[in-house]
Amino acid sequence: NRLDDGRLVGDVGFEAAAQRASWITPVPGGVGPMTVATLMQNTLEAAQAADA
């Protein structure tokens, strides 16, 4: 989600959610890079399995 001024934000208010959630990650800089890395690894493994 982006604000009108172009800033990237999450889909909940971080401060309010942090008081109730056991775990929370900031936006930007949360779990996105790990998600992308895992997707790339799974894609590579699937391609290798398809060639086997």
N, C-alpha and C. Protein backbone atom coordinates (compact mmCIF):
# COMPACT_ATOMS: atom_id res chain seq x y z
N ASN A 1 0.84 -1.17 0.00
CA ASN A 1 0.00 0.00 0.00
C ASN A 1 0.89 1.24 0.00
N ARG A 2 0.49 2.22 -0.76
CA ARG A 2 1.24 3.47 -0.79
C ARG A 2 0.32 4.62 -0.41
N LEU A 3 0.87 5.55 0.35
CA LEU A 3 0.14 6.76 0.69
C LEU A 3 0.18 7.73 -0.48
N ASP A 4 -0.61 8.78 -0.40
CA ASP A 4 -0.64 9.77 -1.48
C ASP A 4 0.73 10.40 -1.72
N ASP A 5 1.56 10.47 -0.68
CA ASP A 5 2.90 11.06 -0.85
C ASP A 5 3.93 10.04 -1.34
N GLY A 6 3.48 8.80 -1.64
CA GLY A 6 4.37 7.80 -2.20
C GLY A 6 5.01 6.86 -1.20
N ARG A 7 4.84 7.14 0.10
CA ARG A 7 5.44 6.26 1.12
C ARG A 7 4.76 4.90 1.13
N LEU A 8 5.57 3.86 1.33
CA LEU A 8 5.09 2.49 1.42
C LEU A 8 4.67 2.21 2.85
N VAL A 9 3.46 1.68 3.03
CA VAL A 9 2.95 1.39 4.37
C VAL A 9 2.31 0.01 4.40
N GLY A 10 2.13 -0.52 5.60
CA GLY A 10 1.47 -1.82 5.76
C GLY A 10 -0.04 -1.67 5.74
N ASP A 11 -0.71 -2.78 6.01
CA ASP A 11 -2.17 -2.76 5.96
C ASP A 11 -2.81 -2.61 7.33
N VAL A 12 -2.01 -2.42 8.38
CA VAL A 12 -2.52 -2.13 9.72
C VAL A 12 -1.68 -1.02 10.33
N GLY A 13 -2.21 -0.36 11.34
CA GLY A 13 -1.43 0.62 12.08
C GLY A 13 -0.40 -0.11 12.93
N PHE A 14 0.88 0.10 12.65
CA PHE A 14 1.94 -0.65 13.30
C PHE A 14 1.89 -0.51 14.82
N GLU A 15 1.78 0.69 15.33
CA GLU A 15 1.80 0.92 16.78
C GLU A 15 0.63 0.21 17.46
N ALA A 16 -0.56 0.31 16.91
CA ALA A 16 -1.73 -0.34 17.52
C ALA A 16 -1.61 -1.85 17.45
N ALA A 17 -1.16 -2.36 16.32
CA ALA A 17 -1.03 -3.81 16.15
C ALA A 17 0.08 -4.38 17.02
N ALA A 18 1.15 -3.64 17.21
CA ALA A 18 2.29 -4.11 18.01
C ALA A 18 1.89 -4.34 19.46
N GLN A 19 0.89 -3.62 19.94
CA GLN A 19 0.44 -3.79 21.32
C GLN A 19 -0.35 -5.09 21.50
N ARG A 20 -0.92 -5.63 20.42
CA ARG A 20 -1.76 -6.82 20.53
C ARG A 20 -1.12 -8.07 19.92
N ALA A 21 -0.27 -7.90 18.95
CA ALA A 21 0.30 -9.04 18.22
C ALA A 21 1.51 -9.61 18.96
N SER A 22 1.66 -10.94 18.87
CA SER A 22 2.85 -11.57 19.45
C SER A 22 4.08 -11.27 18.61
N TRP A 23 3.90 -11.24 17.30
CA TRP A 23 4.99 -10.98 16.36
C TRP A 23 4.49 -9.99 15.32
N ILE A 24 5.35 -9.07 14.92
CA ILE A 24 4.99 -8.11 13.87
C ILE A 24 6.28 -7.66 13.18
N THR A 25 6.20 -7.42 11.89
CA THR A 25 7.35 -6.93 11.15
C THR A 25 6.99 -5.59 10.52
N PRO A 26 7.97 -4.72 10.37
CA PRO A 26 7.71 -3.40 9.80
C PRO A 26 7.56 -3.45 8.29
N VAL A 27 6.94 -2.40 7.76
CA VAL A 27 6.83 -2.21 6.31
C VAL A 27 7.36 -0.82 6.03
N PRO A 28 8.31 -0.65 5.12
CA PRO A 28 9.05 -1.71 4.42
C PRO A 28 10.09 -2.35 5.32
N GLY A 29 10.68 -3.43 4.84
CA GLY A 29 11.75 -4.10 5.56
C GLY A 29 11.32 -5.31 6.37
N GLY A 30 10.13 -5.80 6.13
CA GLY A 30 9.64 -6.95 6.87
C GLY A 30 10.12 -8.26 6.29
N VAL A 31 9.19 -9.17 6.05
CA VAL A 31 9.54 -10.51 5.59
C VAL A 31 9.59 -10.62 4.07
N GLY A 32 9.37 -9.56 3.35
CA GLY A 32 9.37 -9.59 1.89
C GLY A 32 10.62 -10.20 1.28
N PRO A 33 11.82 -9.78 1.69
CA PRO A 33 13.03 -10.37 1.11
C PRO A 33 13.13 -11.88 1.35
N MET A 34 12.71 -12.36 2.52
CA MET A 34 12.74 -13.79 2.80
C MET A 34 11.71 -14.52 1.93
N THR A 35 10.55 -13.91 1.72
CA THR A 35 9.53 -14.51 0.87
C THR A 35 10.05 -14.66 -0.55
N VAL A 36 10.69 -13.63 -1.08
CA VAL A 36 11.24 -13.67 -2.43
C VAL A 36 12.33 -14.73 -2.54
N ALA A 37 13.22 -14.79 -1.55
CA ALA A 37 14.30 -15.78 -1.58
C ALA A 37 13.75 -17.21 -1.56
N THR A 38 12.75 -17.45 -0.73
CA THR A 38 12.14 -18.78 -0.65
C THR A 38 11.43 -19.14 -1.94
N LEU A 39 10.73 -18.19 -2.53
CA LEU A 39 10.07 -18.42 -3.82
C LEU A 39 11.09 -18.76 -4.89
N MET A 40 12.20 -18.05 -4.93
CA MET A 40 13.24 -18.33 -5.93
C MET A 40 13.83 -19.72 -5.72
N GLN A 41 14.08 -20.09 -4.46
CA GLN A 41 14.62 -21.41 -4.18
C GLN A 41 13.64 -22.51 -4.61
N ASN A 42 12.38 -22.35 -4.28
CA ASN A 42 11.37 -23.35 -4.66
C ASN A 42 11.23 -23.45 -6.17
N THR A 43 11.31 -22.31 -6.86
CA THR A 43 11.22 -22.32 -8.32
C THR A 43 12.40 -23.06 -8.93
N LEU A 44 13.60 -22.81 -8.42
CA LEU A 44 14.79 -23.50 -8.90
C LEU A 44 14.68 -25.01 -8.66
N GLU A 45 14.26 -25.40 -7.47
CA GLU A 45 14.12 -26.83 -7.16
C GLU A 45 13.07 -27.49 -8.05
N ALA A 46 11.99 -26.80 -8.34
CA ALA A 46 10.95 -27.35 -9.21
C ALA A 46 11.48 -27.51 -10.63
N ALA A 47 12.25 -26.54 -11.12
CA ALA A 47 12.82 -26.63 -12.46
C ALA A 47 13.82 -27.78 -12.55
N GLN A 48 14.63 -27.94 -11.51
CA GLN A 48 15.59 -29.04 -11.50
C GLN A 48 14.87 -30.39 -11.45
N ALA A 49 13.81 -30.49 -10.70
CA ALA A 49 13.04 -31.74 -10.62
C ALA A 49 12.37 -32.06 -11.95
N ALA A 50 11.94 -31.02 -12.66
CA ALA A 50 11.28 -31.23 -13.95
C ALA A 50 12.27 -31.74 -14.99
N ASP A 51 13.55 -31.37 -14.86
CA ASP A 51 14.58 -31.81 -15.80
C ASP A 51 15.11 -33.20 -15.47
N ALA A 52 14.85 -33.69 -14.27
CA ALA A 52 15.41 -34.98 -13.82
C ALA A 52 14.67 -36.16 -14.44
